[in-house]
Amino acid sequence: MTQHLAVDGGTIAYEVAGSGPLIVLAHGMGDSRAAYRAVVPRLVAAGYRVAAVDLRGCGESTTDWPDWSRTAIAGDLLAVIRHLGGPAVLVGHSISGGAATIAAAREPSLVTAVVELAPFTRKQSIRLGDLRVKRFRQGMLRLLGAATFGSVPLWRSYLGTAYPGARPADWAERLDRVDSLLREPGRMKALQGMGRGAPADAGAQLANVRRPVLVVMGTLDPDWADPHAEGSAIVGALPSGLGRLEMIEGAGHYPHDQFPDRVVSLVLAFVRSDAARA
């Protein structure tokens, strides 16, 4: 059942299931909490209370916001955790990976550990050699086109690239749901606003994180020419020994939707580890 939390600037929608230690799930731009539809029941069955959040402007959250930065999103996520009586393990995908970094650095008392799925957490730069990687070139052109022109068809095309190989059984319904949401007033504006925001604010906070961080990347993620190098750079920018990188073979930019069992297994092993419980 959808619940709503009023924060400065609007209302954040979220849904809670299960009981036990709190895990908060935050999706990427152009999406909704439905991105975690296969993850939530698995975490609940493992004994966790799971809150899946619609980012500002997305899903059932309100659309009129003055700020689409990762810092602003981090504030929303912290407000949800505080409201639910945290602390929590904070899981963030793509733009929310950067927001989770900021949240952990700002209020470590509310964030016990961070999981970043295909995160945009560092300032990005494109080298000439990157454009020789076909999946990166295709994904970048579709992604930039969707954000620049506000094109739902181009976003659907990008998703086709972002899900190489394995796709969920409800793939057609998944695409149609994303399409429908983005055609609602204000939803594409949210995608464009997030797309224009650079992750420099998140990168600046990596060295300030004091909680353990798990970074999960797909080997075929089209958002980077070398996903392993990006994940390694994030881990390298954290305080020594705090971060760990896991690669999922064959996954694109949505490992939690392509391979939910694998992602949940990694998350559970991480949150149950001595480092994450400390």
C-alpha atoms as a PDB file:
ATOM      1  CA  MET A   1       0.000   0.000   0.000  1.00  0.00           C
ATOM      2  CA  THR A   2       1.392   3.381  -1.004  1.00  0.00           C
ATOM      3  CA  GLN A   3       2.268   5.788   1.787  1.00  0.00           C
ATOM      4  CA  HIS A   4       3.269   9.425   1.441  1.00  0.00           C
ATOM      5  CA  LEU A   5       5.770  11.547   3.331  1.00  0.00           C
ATOM      6  CA  ALA A   6       5.715  15.336   3.096  1.00  0.00           C
ATOM      7  CA  VAL A   7       9.214  16.811   2.796  1.00  0.00           C
ATOM      8  CA  ASP A   8      10.441  20.273   1.919  1.00  0.00           C
ATOM      9  CA  GLY A   9       9.253  20.875  -1.648  1.00  0.00           C
ATOM     10  CA  GLY A  10       6.776  18.057  -2.153  1.00  0.00           C
ATOM     11  CA  THR A  11       5.629  14.559  -1.216  1.00  0.00           C
ATOM     12  CA  ILE A  12       7.577  11.306  -1.479  1.00  0.00           C
ATOM     13  CA  ALA A  13       5.691   8.059  -2.096  1.00  0.00           C
ATOM     14  CA  TYR A  14       6.924   4.776  -0.687  1.00  0.00           C
ATOM     15  CA  GLU A  15       5.779   1.294   0.233  1.00  0.00           C
ATOM     16  CA  VAL A  16       6.843  -0.862   3.197  1.00  0.00           C
ATOM     17  CA  ALA A  17       6.721  -4.646   3.520  1.00  0.00           C
ATOM     18  CA  GLY A  18       7.997  -7.142   6.051  1.00  0.00           C
ATOM     19  CA  SER A  19       9.503  -6.789   9.495  1.00  0.00           C
ATOM     20  CA  GLY A  20      13.016  -6.747  10.857  1.00  0.00           C
ATOM     21  CA  PRO A  21      16.051  -4.548  10.156  1.00  0.00           C
ATOM     22  CA  LEU A  22      15.268  -1.771   7.680  1.00  0.00           C
ATOM     23  CA  ILE A  23      16.456  -1.746   4.071  1.00  0.00           C
ATOM     24  CA  VAL A  24      15.520   1.241   1.882  1.00  0.00           C
ATOM     25  CA  LEU A  25      15.525   0.830  -1.908  1.00  0.00           C
ATOM     26  CA  ALA A  26      15.901   3.807  -4.259  1.00  0.00           C
ATOM     27  CA  HIS A  27      15.601   3.485  -8.052  1.00  0.00           C
ATOM     28  CA  GLY A  28      17.214   5.291 -10.971  1.00  0.00           C
ATOM     29  CA  MET A  29      15.957   8.174 -13.098  1.00  0.00           C
ATOM     30  CA  GLY A  30      12.963   7.641 -15.368  1.00  0.00           C
ATOM     31  CA  ASP A  31      11.749   4.792 -13.197  1.00  0.00           C
ATOM     32  CA  SER A  32       9.719   3.998 -10.080  1.00  0.00           C
ATOM     33  CA  ARG A  33       9.903   1.721  -7.069  1.00  0.00           C
ATOM     34  CA  ALA A  34       8.498  -1.024  -9.321  1.00  0.00           C
ATOM     35  CA  ALA A  35      12.083  -1.536 -10.485  1.00  0.00           C
ATOM     36  CA  TYR A  36      12.524  -3.523  -7.253  1.00  0.00           C
ATOM     37  CA  ARG A  37       9.372  -5.634  -7.623  1.00  0.00           C
ATOM     38  CA  ALA A  38      11.438  -8.853  -7.786  1.00  0.00           C
ATOM     39  CA  VAL A  39      13.834  -7.818  -5.022  1.00  0.00           C
ATOM     40  CA  VAL A  40      11.383  -6.784  -2.295  1.00  0.00           C
ATOM     41  CA  PRO A  41       9.730 -10.176  -1.662  1.00  0.00           C
ATOM     42  CA  ARG A  42      13.112 -11.903  -1.528  1.00  0.00           C
ATOM     43  CA  LEU A  43      14.432  -9.465   1.087  1.00  0.00           C
ATOM     44  CA  VAL A  44      11.208  -9.705   3.089  1.00  0.00           C
ATOM     45  CA  ALA A  45      11.454 -13.507   3.059  1.00  0.00           C
ATOM     46  CA  ALA A  46      14.995 -13.148   4.406  1.00  0.00           C
ATOM     47  CA  GLY A  47      13.698 -11.284   7.463  1.00  0.00           C
ATOM     48  CA  TYR A  48      13.941  -7.592   6.580  1.00  0.00           C
ATOM     49  CA  ARG A  49      11.571  -4.644   6.630  1.00  0.00           C
ATOM     50  CA  VAL A  50      11.852  -3.188   3.144  1.00  0.00           C
ATOM     51  CA  ALA A  51      10.841   0.298   2.033  1.00  0.00           C
ATOM     52  CA  ALA A  52      10.810   0.922  -1.725  1.00  0.00           C
ATOM     53  CA  VAL A  53      10.783   4.647  -2.492  1.00  0.00           C
ATOM     54  CA  ASP A  54       9.626   6.653  -5.503  1.00  0.00           C
ATOM     55  CA  LEU A  55      12.176   9.409  -6.075  1.00  0.00           C
ATOM     56  CA  ARG A  56      10.993  13.015  -6.315  1.00  0.00           C
ATOM     57  CA  GLY A  57       9.129  13.460  -9.595  1.00  0.00           C
ATOM     58  CA  CYS A  58       8.845   9.712 -10.167  1.00  0.00           C
ATOM     59  CA  GLY A  59       6.224   7.002  -9.649  1.00  0.00           C
ATOM     60  CA  GLU A  60       3.584   8.348  -7.273  1.00  0.00           C
ATOM     61  CA  SER A  61       5.708  11.134  -5.792  1.00  0.00           C
ATOM     62  CA  THR A  62       4.815  14.714  -6.659  1.00  0.00           C
ATOM     63  CA  THR A  63       6.389  16.345  -9.704  1.00  0.00           C
ATOM     64  CA  ASP A  64       6.990  20.034  -8.947  1.00  0.00           C
ATOM     65  CA  TRP A  65      10.489  20.231  -7.424  1.00  0.00           C
ATOM     66  CA  PRO A  66      13.091  22.988  -7.656  1.00  0.00           C
ATOM     67  CA  ASP A  67      16.111  20.677  -7.407  1.00  0.00           C
ATOM     68  CA  TRP A  68      16.908  17.312  -9.020  1.00  0.00           C
ATOM     69  CA  SER A  69      20.432  16.869  -7.646  1.00  0.00           C
ATOM     70  CA  ARG A  70      21.761  13.825  -5.855  1.00  0.00           C
ATOM     71  CA  THR A  71      22.111  15.986  -2.761  1.00  0.00           C
ATOM     72  CA  ALA A  72      18.395  16.779  -2.848  1.00  0.00           C
ATOM     73  CA  ILE A  73      17.515  13.113  -3.397  1.00  0.00           C
ATOM     74  CA  ALA A  74      19.760  12.167  -0.469  1.00  0.00           C
ATOM     75  CA  GLY A  75      17.755  14.528   1.740  1.00  0.00           C
ATOM     76  CA  ASP A  76      14.518  12.808   0.710  1.00  0.00           C
ATOM     77  CA  LEU A  77      15.935   9.355   1.444  1.00  0.00           C
ATOM     78  CA  LEU A  78      17.211  10.431   4.840  1.00  0.00           C
ATOM     79  CA  ALA A  79      13.768  11.867   5.626  1.00  0.00           C
ATOM     80  CA  VAL A  80      12.164   8.507   4.794  1.00  0.00           C
ATOM     81  CA  ILE A  81      14.674   6.607   6.938  1.00  0.00           C
ATOM     82  CA  ARG A  82      14.157   9.007   9.838  1.00  0.00           C
ATOM     83  CA  HIS A  83      10.371   8.709   9.472  1.00  0.00           C
ATOM     84  CA  LEU A  84      10.550   4.917   9.496  1.00  0.00           C
ATOM     85  CA  GLY A  85      12.696   4.867  12.609  1.00  0.00           C
ATOM     86  CA  GLY A  86      16.026   3.939  11.001  1.00  0.00           C
ATOM     87  CA  PRO A  87      18.873   3.308  10.771  1.00  0.00           C
ATOM     88  CA  ALA A  88      18.761   1.498   7.459  1.00  0.00           C
ATOM     89  CA  VAL A  89      20.832  -0.184   4.830  1.00  0.00           C
ATOM     90  CA  LEU A  90      20.451   2.152   1.847  1.00  0.00           C
ATOM     91  CA  VAL A  91      20.367   0.648  -1.645  1.00  0.00           C
ATOM     92  CA  GLY A  92      20.610   3.059  -4.563  1.00  0.00           C
ATOM     93  CA  HIS A  93      20.546   2.423  -8.296  1.00  0.00           C
ATOM     94  CA  SER A  94      22.229   4.718 -10.847  1.00  0.00           C
ATOM     95  CA  ILE A  95      21.555   8.329  -9.760  1.00  0.00           C
ATOM     96  CA  SER A  96      20.427   7.019  -6.358  1.00  0.00           C
ATOM     97  CA  GLY A  97      23.783   5.335  -5.889  1.00  0.00           C
ATOM     98  CA  GLY A  98      25.298   8.795  -5.746  1.00  0.00           C
ATOM     99  CA  ALA A  99      22.501   9.995  -3.477  1.00  0.00           C
ATOM    100  CA  ALA A 100      23.127   7.068  -1.122  1.00  0.00           C
ATOM    101  CA  THR A 101      26.793   8.056  -0.912  1.00  0.00           C
ATOM    102  CA  ILE A 102      25.824  11.590   0.108  1.00  0.00           C
ATOM    103  CA  ALA A 103      23.263  10.340   2.629  1.00  0.00           C
ATOM    104  CA  ALA A 104      25.800   8.041   4.303  1.00  0.00           C
ATOM    105  CA  ALA A 105      28.386  10.817   4.494  1.00  0.00           C
ATOM    106  CA  ARG A 106      25.914  13.354   5.877  1.00  0.00           C
ATOM    107  CA  GLU A 107      24.156  11.241   8.500  1.00  0.00           C
ATOM    108  CA  PRO A 108      26.041   8.026   9.319  1.00  0.00           C
ATOM    109  CA  SER A 109      23.795   7.486  12.321  1.00  0.00           C
ATOM    110  CA  LEU A 110      20.915   6.809   9.912  1.00  0.00           C
ATOM    111  CA  VAL A 111      22.772   4.694   7.341  1.00  0.00           C
ATOM    112  CA  THR A 112      24.421   1.473   8.513  1.00  0.00           C
ATOM    113  CA  ALA A 113      25.661   0.385   5.070  1.00  0.00           C
ATOM    114  CA  VAL A 114      25.327   1.349   1.411  1.00  0.00           C
ATOM    115  CA  VAL A 115      24.711  -0.757  -1.691  1.00  0.00           C
ATOM    116  CA  GLU A 116      25.287   1.026  -4.996  1.00  0.00           C
ATOM    117  CA  LEU A 117      23.879  -0.668  -8.086  1.00  0.00           C
ATOM    118  CA  ALA A 118      25.404   0.590 -11.359  1.00  0.00           C
ATOM    119  CA  PRO A 119      25.938   3.940  -9.636  1.00  0.00           C
ATOM    120  CA  PHE A 120      26.680   7.365 -11.046  1.00  0.00           C
ATOM    121  CA  THR A 121      28.771   8.526  -8.119  1.00  0.00           C
ATOM    122  CA  ARG A 122      31.750  10.231  -9.782  1.00  0.00           C
ATOM    123  CA  LYS A 123      32.320  13.000 -12.281  1.00  0.00           C
ATOM    124  CA  GLN A 124      32.151  11.424 -15.735  1.00  0.00           C
ATOM    125  CA  SER A 125      34.437  11.950 -18.710  1.00  0.00           C
ATOM    126  CA  ILE A 126      34.422  10.322 -22.140  1.00  0.00           C
ATOM    127  CA  ARG A 127      37.627   9.317 -23.877  1.00  0.00           C
ATOM    128  CA  LEU A 128      37.922   8.814 -27.607  1.00  0.00           C
ATOM    129  CA  GLY A 129      38.538   5.123 -27.148  1.00  0.00           C
ATOM    130  CA  ASP A 130      35.264   4.736 -25.253  1.00  0.00           C
ATOM    131  CA  LEU A 131      33.305   5.474 -28.406  1.00  0.00           C
ATOM    132  CA  ARG A 132      34.776   2.388 -30.043  1.00  0.00           C
ATOM    133  CA  VAL A 133      32.755   0.256 -27.618  1.00  0.00           C
ATOM    134  CA  LYS A 134      29.495  -0.354 -29.468  1.00  0.00           C
ATOM    135  CA  ARG A 135      27.186  -0.905 -26.486  1.00  0.00           C
ATOM    136  CA  PHE A 136      28.494   2.278 -24.830  1.00  0.00           C
ATOM    137  CA  ARG A 137      28.068   4.293 -28.019  1.00  0.00           C
ATOM    138  CA  GLN A 138      24.528   3.031 -28.574  1.00  0.00           C
ATOM    139  CA  GLY A 139      23.474   3.488 -24.970  1.00  0.00           C
ATOM    140  CA  MET A 140      24.945   6.979 -24.693  1.00  0.00           C
ATOM    141  CA  LEU A 141      23.244   8.239 -27.853  1.00  0.00           C
ATOM    142  CA  ARG A 142      19.840   6.937 -26.754  1.00  0.00           C
ATOM    143  CA  LEU A 143      20.283   8.200 -23.206  1.00  0.00           C
ATOM    144  CA  LEU A 144      21.369  11.665 -24.286  1.00  0.00           C
ATOM    145  CA  GLY A 145      18.637  11.813 -26.909  1.00  0.00           C
ATOM    146  CA  ALA A 146      15.910  10.896 -24.432  1.00  0.00           C
ATOM    147  CA  ALA A 147      17.110  13.477 -21.909  1.00  0.00           C
ATOM    148  CA  THR A 148      17.714  16.227 -24.472  1.00  0.00           C
ATOM    149  CA  PHE A 149      14.494  15.893 -26.433  1.00  0.00           C
ATOM    150  CA  GLY A 150      12.224  14.490 -23.739  1.00  0.00           C
ATOM    151  CA  SER A 151      11.544  11.483 -25.942  1.00  0.00           C
ATOM    152  CA  VAL A 152       9.754   8.500 -24.420  1.00  0.00           C
ATOM    153  CA  PRO A 153      10.470   6.293 -27.485  1.00  0.00           C
ATOM    154  CA  LEU A 154      14.190   7.033 -27.170  1.00  0.00           C
ATOM    155  CA  TRP A 155      14.050   6.128 -23.480  1.00  0.00           C
ATOM    156  CA  ARG A 156      12.387   2.831 -24.349  1.00  0.00           C
ATOM    157  CA  SER A 157      15.127   2.246 -26.898  1.00  0.00           C
ATOM    158  CA  TYR A 158      17.759   3.005 -24.267  1.00  0.00           C
ATOM    159  CA  LEU A 159      16.170   0.460 -21.918  1.00  0.00           C
ATOM    160  CA  GLY A 160      16.473  -2.138 -24.665  1.00  0.00           C
ATOM    161  CA  THR A 161      20.219  -1.511 -24.654  1.00  0.00           C
ATOM    162  CA  ALA A 162      20.415  -1.358 -20.859  1.00  0.00           C
ATOM    163  CA  TYR A 163      18.911  -4.866 -20.563  1.00  0.00           C
ATOM    164  CA  PRO A 164      21.266  -6.999 -22.687  1.00  0.00           C
ATOM    165  CA  GLY A 165      20.447 -10.683 -22.848  1.00  0.00           C
ATOM    166  CA  ALA A 166      18.398 -11.701 -19.821  1.00  0.00           C
ATOM    167  CA  ARG A 167      15.144  -9.822 -19.291  1.00  0.00           C
ATOM    168  CA  PRO A 168      12.421 -10.247 -16.675  1.00  0.00           C
ATOM    169  CA  ALA A 169       9.401 -12.364 -17.563  1.00  0.00           C
ATOM    170  CA  ASP A 170       7.187  -9.266 -17.469  1.00  0.00           C
ATOM    171  CA  TRP A 171       9.453  -7.266 -19.796  1.00  0.00           C
ATOM    172  CA  ALA A 172       6.642  -6.030 -22.062  1.00  0.00           C
ATOM    173  CA  GLU A 173       4.569  -4.910 -19.090  1.00  0.00           C
ATOM    174  CA  ARG A 174       7.662  -3.300 -17.540  1.00  0.00           C
ATOM    175  CA  LEU A 175       8.267  -1.204 -20.672  1.00  0.00           C
ATOM    176  CA  ASP A 176       4.619  -0.228 -20.956  1.00  0.00           C
ATOM    177  CA  ARG A 177       4.501   0.839 -17.299  1.00  0.00           C
ATOM    178  CA  VAL A 178       7.610   3.012 -17.655  1.00  0.00           C
ATOM    179  CA  ASP A 179       6.204   4.470 -20.866  1.00  0.00           C
ATOM    180  CA  SER A 180       2.881   5.274 -19.192  1.00  0.00           C
ATOM    181  CA  LEU A 181       4.504   6.929 -16.189  1.00  0.00           C
ATOM    182  CA  LEU A 182       6.805   9.104 -18.293  1.00  0.00           C
ATOM    183  CA  ARG A 183       3.821  10.412 -20.251  1.00  0.00           C
ATOM    184  CA  GLU A 184       2.206  11.733 -17.084  1.00  0.00           C
ATOM    185  CA  PRO A 185       2.594  15.499 -16.599  1.00  0.00           C
ATOM    186  CA  GLY A 186       5.930  16.395 -15.061  1.00  0.00           C
ATOM    187  CA  ARG A 187       7.510  12.917 -15.170  1.00  0.00           C
ATOM    188  CA  MET A 188       9.709  13.496 -18.214  1.00  0.00           C
ATOM    189  CA  LYS A 189      10.741  16.842 -16.744  1.00  0.00           C
ATOM    190  CA  ALA A 190      12.032  14.917 -13.721  1.00  0.00           C
ATOM    191  CA  LEU A 191      14.042  12.586 -15.954  1.00  0.00           C
ATOM    192  CA  GLN A 192      15.517  15.527 -17.831  1.00  0.00           C
ATOM    193  CA  GLY A 193      16.320  17.394 -14.632  1.00  0.00           C
ATOM    194  CA  MET A 194      18.114  14.399 -13.168  1.00  0.00           C
ATOM    195  CA  GLY A 195      19.904  13.770 -16.443  1.00  0.00           C
ATOM    196  CA  ARG A 196      21.323  17.290 -16.462  1.00  0.00           C
ATOM    197  CA  GLY A 197      22.716  16.943 -12.953  1.00  0.00           C
ATOM    198  CA  ALA A 198      26.392  16.007 -12.743  1.00  0.00           C
ATOM    199  CA  PRO A 199      27.443  13.552 -10.006  1.00  0.00           C
ATOM    200  CA  ALA A 200      30.209  15.827  -8.720  1.00  0.00           C
ATOM    201  CA  ASP A 201      28.346  16.362  -5.434  1.00  0.00           C
ATOM    202  CA  ALA A 202      28.395  12.617  -4.791  1.00  0.00           C
ATOM    203  CA  GLY A 203      32.015  12.207  -5.820  1.00  0.00           C
ATOM    204  CA  ALA A 204      33.015  14.935  -3.397  1.00  0.00           C
ATOM    205  CA  GLN A 205      31.531  12.907  -0.528  1.00  0.00           C
ATOM    206  CA  LEU A 206      33.140   9.533  -1.244  1.00  0.00           C
ATOM    207  CA  ALA A 207      36.100  10.221   1.024  1.00  0.00           C
ATOM    208  CA  ASN A 208      33.713  11.252   3.823  1.00  0.00           C
ATOM    209  CA  VAL A 209      31.773   7.984   3.944  1.00  0.00           C
ATOM    210  CA  ARG A 210      32.328   5.978   7.124  1.00  0.00           C
ATOM    211  CA  ARG A 211      29.983   3.085   6.468  1.00  0.00           C
ATOM    212  CA  PRO A 212      30.754  -0.051   4.412  1.00  0.00           C
ATOM    213  CA  VAL A 213      29.851   0.170   0.739  1.00  0.00           C
ATOM    214  CA  LEU A 214      29.075  -2.578  -1.764  1.00  0.00           C
ATOM    215  CA  VAL A 215      29.260  -1.554  -5.426  1.00  0.00           C
ATOM    216  CA  VAL A 216      27.564  -3.880  -7.916  1.00  0.00           C
ATOM    217  CA  MET A 217      28.212  -3.461 -11.648  1.00  0.00           C
ATOM    218  CA  GLY A 218      27.111  -5.423 -14.706  1.00  0.00           C
ATOM    219  CA  THR A 219      29.809  -6.485 -17.137  1.00  0.00           C
ATOM    220  CA  LEU A 220      27.657  -5.317 -20.077  1.00  0.00           C
ATOM    221  CA  ASP A 221      26.421  -2.017 -18.632  1.00  0.00           C
ATOM    222  CA  PRO A 222      26.163   0.352 -21.621  1.00  0.00           C
ATOM    223  CA  ASP A 223      26.555   3.451 -19.459  1.00  0.00           C
ATOM    224  CA  TRP A 224      30.314   2.854 -19.230  1.00  0.00           C
ATOM    225  CA  ALA A 225      32.838   1.604 -21.743  1.00  0.00           C
ATOM    226  CA  ASP A 226      34.528  -0.227 -18.854  1.00  0.00           C
ATOM    227  CA  PRO A 227      32.086  -0.896 -15.978  1.00  0.00           C
ATOM    228  CA  HIS A 228      34.743  -2.666 -13.918  1.00  0.00           C
ATOM    229  CA  ALA A 229      37.035   0.344 -14.097  1.00  0.00           C
ATOM    230  CA  GLU A 230      34.213   2.647 -12.987  1.00  0.00           C
ATOM    231  CA  GLY A 231      33.305   0.433 -10.047  1.00  0.00           C
ATOM    232  CA  SER A 232      36.945   0.127  -9.051  1.00  0.00           C
ATOM    233  CA  ALA A 233      37.364   3.904  -9.176  1.00  0.00           C
ATOM    234  CA  ILE A 234      34.414   4.373  -6.797  1.00  0.00           C
ATOM    235  CA  VAL A 235      35.847   1.841  -4.360  1.00  0.00           C
ATOM    236  CA  GLY A 236      39.275   3.457  -4.675  1.00  0.00           C
ATOM    237  CA  ALA A 237      37.870   6.883  -3.764  1.00  0.00           C
ATOM    238  CA  LEU A 238      36.365   5.562  -0.517  1.00  0.00           C
ATOM    239  CA  PRO A 239      38.433   5.327   2.666  1.00  0.00           C
ATOM    240  CA  SER A 240      40.734   2.321   2.526  1.00  0.00           C
ATOM    241  CA  GLY A 241      39.040  -1.027   3.159  1.00  0.00           C
ATOM    242  CA  LEU A 242      35.521   0.396   3.228  1.00  0.00           C
ATOM    243  CA  GLY A 243      34.310  -0.543  -0.249  1.00  0.00           C
ATOM    244  CA  ARG A 244      33.948  -3.741  -2.217  1.00  0.00           C
ATOM    245  CA  LEU A 245      33.148  -4.293  -5.894  1.00  0.00           C
ATOM    246  CA  GLU A 246      31.128  -7.189  -7.268  1.00  0.00           C
ATOM    247  CA  MET A 247      30.606  -7.770 -10.994  1.00  0.00           C
ATOM    248  CA  ILE A 248      27.602  -9.616 -12.410  1.00  0.00           C
ATOM    249  CA  GLU A 249      28.426 -11.329 -15.677  1.00  0.00           C
ATOM    250  CA  GLY A 250      26.002 -10.489 -18.480  1.00  0.00           C
ATOM    251  CA  ALA A 251      24.153  -7.769 -16.578  1.00  0.00           C
ATOM    252  CA  GLY A 252      23.517  -4.324 -18.003  1.00  0.00           C
ATOM    253  CA  HIS A 253      22.463  -1.187 -16.158  1.00  0.00           C
ATOM    254  CA  TYR A 254      19.651  -2.927 -14.219  1.00  0.00           C
ATOM    255  CA  PRO A 255      21.284  -5.923 -12.504  1.00  0.00           C
ATOM    256  CA  HIS A 256      18.572  -6.020  -9.810  1.00  0.00           C
ATOM    257  CA  ASP A 257      15.889  -6.522 -12.470  1.00  0.00           C
ATOM    258  CA  GLN A 258      17.844  -8.861 -14.733  1.00  0.00           C
ATOM    259  CA  PHE A 259      19.371 -11.002 -11.996  1.00  0.00           C
ATOM    260  CA  PRO A 260      17.387 -10.379  -8.775  1.00  0.00           C
ATOM    261  CA  ASP A 261      18.497 -13.636  -7.124  1.00  0.00           C
ATOM    262  CA  ARG A 262      22.145 -12.804  -7.661  1.00  0.00           C
ATOM    263  CA  VAL A 263      21.754  -9.219  -6.432  1.00  0.00           C
ATOM    264  CA  VAL A 264      19.776 -10.245  -3.345  1.00  0.00           C
ATOM    265  CA  SER A 265      22.375 -12.893  -2.559  1.00  0.00           C
ATOM    266  CA  LEU A 266      25.137 -10.278  -2.717  1.00  0.00           C
ATOM    267  CA  VAL A 267      23.142  -7.802  -0.628  1.00  0.00           C
ATOM    268  CA  LEU A 268      22.307 -10.345   2.077  1.00  0.00           C
ATOM    269  CA  ALA A 269      25.891 -11.592   2.323  1.00  0.00           C
ATOM    270  CA  PHE A 270      27.030  -7.970   2.588  1.00  0.00           C
ATOM    271  CA  VAL A 271      24.558  -6.787   5.233  1.00  0.00           C
ATOM    272  CA  ARG A 272      25.132  -9.916   7.312  1.00  0.00           C
ATOM    273  CA  SER A 273      28.908  -9.508   7.227  1.00  0.00           C
ATOM    274  CA  ASP A 274      30.841  -8.380  10.274  1.00  0.00           C
ATOM    275  CA  ALA A 275      31.864  -5.169   8.508  1.00  0.00           C
ATOM    276  CA  ALA A 276      28.284  -4.137   7.754  1.00  0.00           C
ATOM    277  CA  ARG A 277      27.027  -5.031  11.247  1.00  0.00           C
ATOM    278  CA  ALA A 278      29.802  -3.166  13.062  1.00  0.00           C
END
